[in-house]
């Protein structure tokens, strides 16, 4: 997290999925989720990141990469 627009104190959190092609090549054109919060009114904590992740795994755009065939959240997630 970093503050952008210091006067407004906005903190963006960016989440993106990298998809594998049919050939097994890693692509960079997967879905992206950006959460923006005000540093004046809300802290950026593990709890806020967990809430962002809970929203992300419910989005249709992330369904293919975030959930298995049974609809369960996949047990392995790489966060950088």
C-alpha atoms as a PDB file:
ATOM      1  CA  UNK A   1       0.000   0.000   0.000  1.00  0.00           C
ATOM      2  CA  UNK A   2       1.108   3.531  -0.656  1.00  0.00           C
ATOM      3  CA  UNK A   3      -0.617   6.865  -0.389  1.00  0.00           C
ATOM      4  CA  UNK A   4      -1.475   8.548  -3.679  1.00  0.00           C
ATOM      5  CA  UNK A   5      -2.886  12.044  -3.941  1.00  0.00           C
ATOM      6  CA  UNK A   6      -1.321  13.050  -0.590  1.00  0.00           C
ATOM      7  CA  UNK A   7      -3.753  15.906  -0.160  1.00  0.00           C
ATOM      8  CA  UNK A   8      -6.661  13.461  -0.280  1.00  0.00           C
ATOM      9  CA  UNK A   9      -4.706  10.599   1.348  1.00  0.00           C
ATOM     10  CA  UNK A  10      -6.062   7.815  -0.830  1.00  0.00           C
ATOM     11  CA  UNK A  11      -4.624   4.330  -0.383  1.00  0.00           C
ATOM     12  CA  UNK A  12      -5.080   1.912  -3.299  1.00  0.00           C
ATOM     13  CA  UNK A  13      -4.748  -1.858  -2.943  1.00  0.00           C
ATOM     14  CA  UNK A  14      -4.315  -3.616  -6.280  1.00  0.00           C
ATOM     15  CA  UNK A  15      -5.048  -7.305  -6.860  1.00  0.00           C
ATOM     16  CA  UNK A  16      -4.513  -9.024 -10.214  1.00  0.00           C
ATOM     17  CA  UNK A  17      -4.716 -12.578 -11.529  1.00  0.00           C
ATOM     18  CA  UNK A  18      -2.238 -13.992 -14.021  1.00  0.00           C
ATOM     19  CA  UNK A  19      -3.803 -16.646 -16.245  1.00  0.00           C
ATOM     20  CA  UNK A  20      -2.189 -19.652 -17.886  1.00  0.00           C
ATOM     21  CA  UNK A  21      -2.785 -20.150 -21.598  1.00  0.00           C
ATOM     22  CA  UNK A  22      -3.765 -23.528 -23.056  1.00  0.00           C
ATOM     23  CA  UNK A  23      -0.059 -24.019 -23.838  1.00  0.00           C
ATOM     24  CA  UNK A  24       0.858 -23.410 -20.198  1.00  0.00           C
ATOM     25  CA  UNK A  25       2.361 -19.966 -20.785  1.00  0.00           C
ATOM     26  CA  UNK A  26       1.823 -17.357 -18.098  1.00  0.00           C
ATOM     27  CA  UNK A  27      -0.182 -14.359 -19.274  1.00  0.00           C
ATOM     28  CA  UNK A  28      -0.668 -10.934 -17.793  1.00  0.00           C
ATOM     29  CA  UNK A  29      -4.151 -10.104 -19.042  1.00  0.00           C
ATOM     30  CA  UNK A  30      -6.246 -11.520 -16.202  1.00  0.00           C
ATOM     31  CA  UNK A  31      -8.814  -9.665 -14.098  1.00  0.00           C
ATOM     32  CA  UNK A  32      -7.787  -6.783 -11.832  1.00  0.00           C
ATOM     33  CA  UNK A  33      -9.441  -5.549  -8.636  1.00  0.00           C
ATOM     34  CA  UNK A  34      -8.553  -2.191  -7.089  1.00  0.00           C
ATOM     35  CA  UNK A  35      -9.782  -1.177  -3.645  1.00  0.00           C
ATOM     36  CA  UNK A  36      -9.330   2.468  -2.669  1.00  0.00           C
ATOM     37  CA  UNK A  37      -9.720   3.709   0.873  1.00  0.00           C
ATOM     38  CA  UNK A  38      -9.270   7.058   2.552  1.00  0.00           C
ATOM     39  CA  UNK A  39      -6.323   7.219   4.950  1.00  0.00           C
ATOM     40  CA  UNK A  40      -8.159   9.978   6.787  1.00  0.00           C
ATOM     41  CA  UNK A  41     -11.068   7.720   7.709  1.00  0.00           C
ATOM     42  CA  UNK A  42      -9.791   4.153   7.492  1.00  0.00           C
ATOM     43  CA  UNK A  43      -6.503   2.385   8.193  1.00  0.00           C
ATOM     44  CA  UNK A  44      -4.914  -0.126   5.841  1.00  0.00           C
ATOM     45  CA  UNK A  45      -4.594  -3.252   7.985  1.00  0.00           C
ATOM     46  CA  UNK A  46      -4.668  -7.017   7.638  1.00  0.00           C
ATOM     47  CA  UNK A  47      -8.419  -6.812   8.320  1.00  0.00           C
ATOM     48  CA  UNK A  48      -9.035  -4.402   5.438  1.00  0.00           C
ATOM     49  CA  UNK A  49      -6.966  -6.598   3.109  1.00  0.00           C
ATOM     50  CA  UNK A  50      -8.954  -9.652   4.255  1.00  0.00           C
ATOM     51  CA  UNK A  51     -12.215  -7.818   3.502  1.00  0.00           C
ATOM     52  CA  UNK A  52     -10.867  -6.896   0.042  1.00  0.00           C
ATOM     53  CA  UNK A  53      -9.946 -10.533  -0.595  1.00  0.00           C
ATOM     54  CA  UNK A  54     -13.388 -11.732   0.546  1.00  0.00           C
ATOM     55  CA  UNK A  55     -14.989  -9.361  -1.984  1.00  0.00           C
ATOM     56  CA  UNK A  56     -12.541 -10.386  -4.710  1.00  0.00           C
ATOM     57  CA  UNK A  57     -13.235 -14.135  -4.469  1.00  0.00           C
ATOM     58  CA  UNK A  58     -16.972 -13.435  -4.849  1.00  0.00           C
ATOM     59  CA  UNK A  59     -16.574 -11.519  -8.118  1.00  0.00           C
ATOM     60  CA  UNK A  60     -17.548 -13.321 -11.316  1.00  0.00           C
ATOM     61  CA  UNK A  61     -14.363 -12.051 -13.006  1.00  0.00           C
ATOM     62  CA  UNK A  62     -12.196 -13.887 -10.454  1.00  0.00           C
ATOM     63  CA  UNK A  63     -14.319 -17.049 -10.265  1.00  0.00           C
ATOM     64  CA  UNK A  64     -12.094 -19.052 -12.632  1.00  0.00           C
ATOM     65  CA  UNK A  65      -8.857 -18.215 -10.814  1.00  0.00           C
ATOM     66  CA  UNK A  66     -10.099 -17.999  -7.211  1.00  0.00           C
ATOM     67  CA  UNK A  67     -12.394 -21.035  -6.933  1.00  0.00           C
ATOM     68  CA  UNK A  68     -12.196 -24.731  -7.735  1.00  0.00           C
ATOM     69  CA  UNK A  69     -14.797 -26.862  -9.550  1.00  0.00           C
ATOM     70  CA  UNK A  70     -16.864 -27.188  -6.342  1.00  0.00           C
ATOM     71  CA  UNK A  71     -16.973 -23.413  -5.867  1.00  0.00           C
ATOM     72  CA  UNK A  72     -14.590 -23.483  -2.912  1.00  0.00           C
ATOM     73  CA  UNK A  73     -11.822 -20.904  -2.588  1.00  0.00           C
ATOM     74  CA  UNK A  74      -8.612 -22.468  -3.862  1.00  0.00           C
ATOM     75  CA  UNK A  75      -6.203 -23.370  -1.054  1.00  0.00           C
ATOM     76  CA  UNK A  76      -3.141 -21.803  -2.706  1.00  0.00           C
ATOM     77  CA  UNK A  77      -2.972 -18.089  -3.355  1.00  0.00           C
ATOM     78  CA  UNK A  78       0.263 -16.242  -4.083  1.00  0.00           C
ATOM     79  CA  UNK A  79       0.340 -12.693  -2.780  1.00  0.00           C
ATOM     80  CA  UNK A  80       3.229 -10.412  -3.622  1.00  0.00           C
END
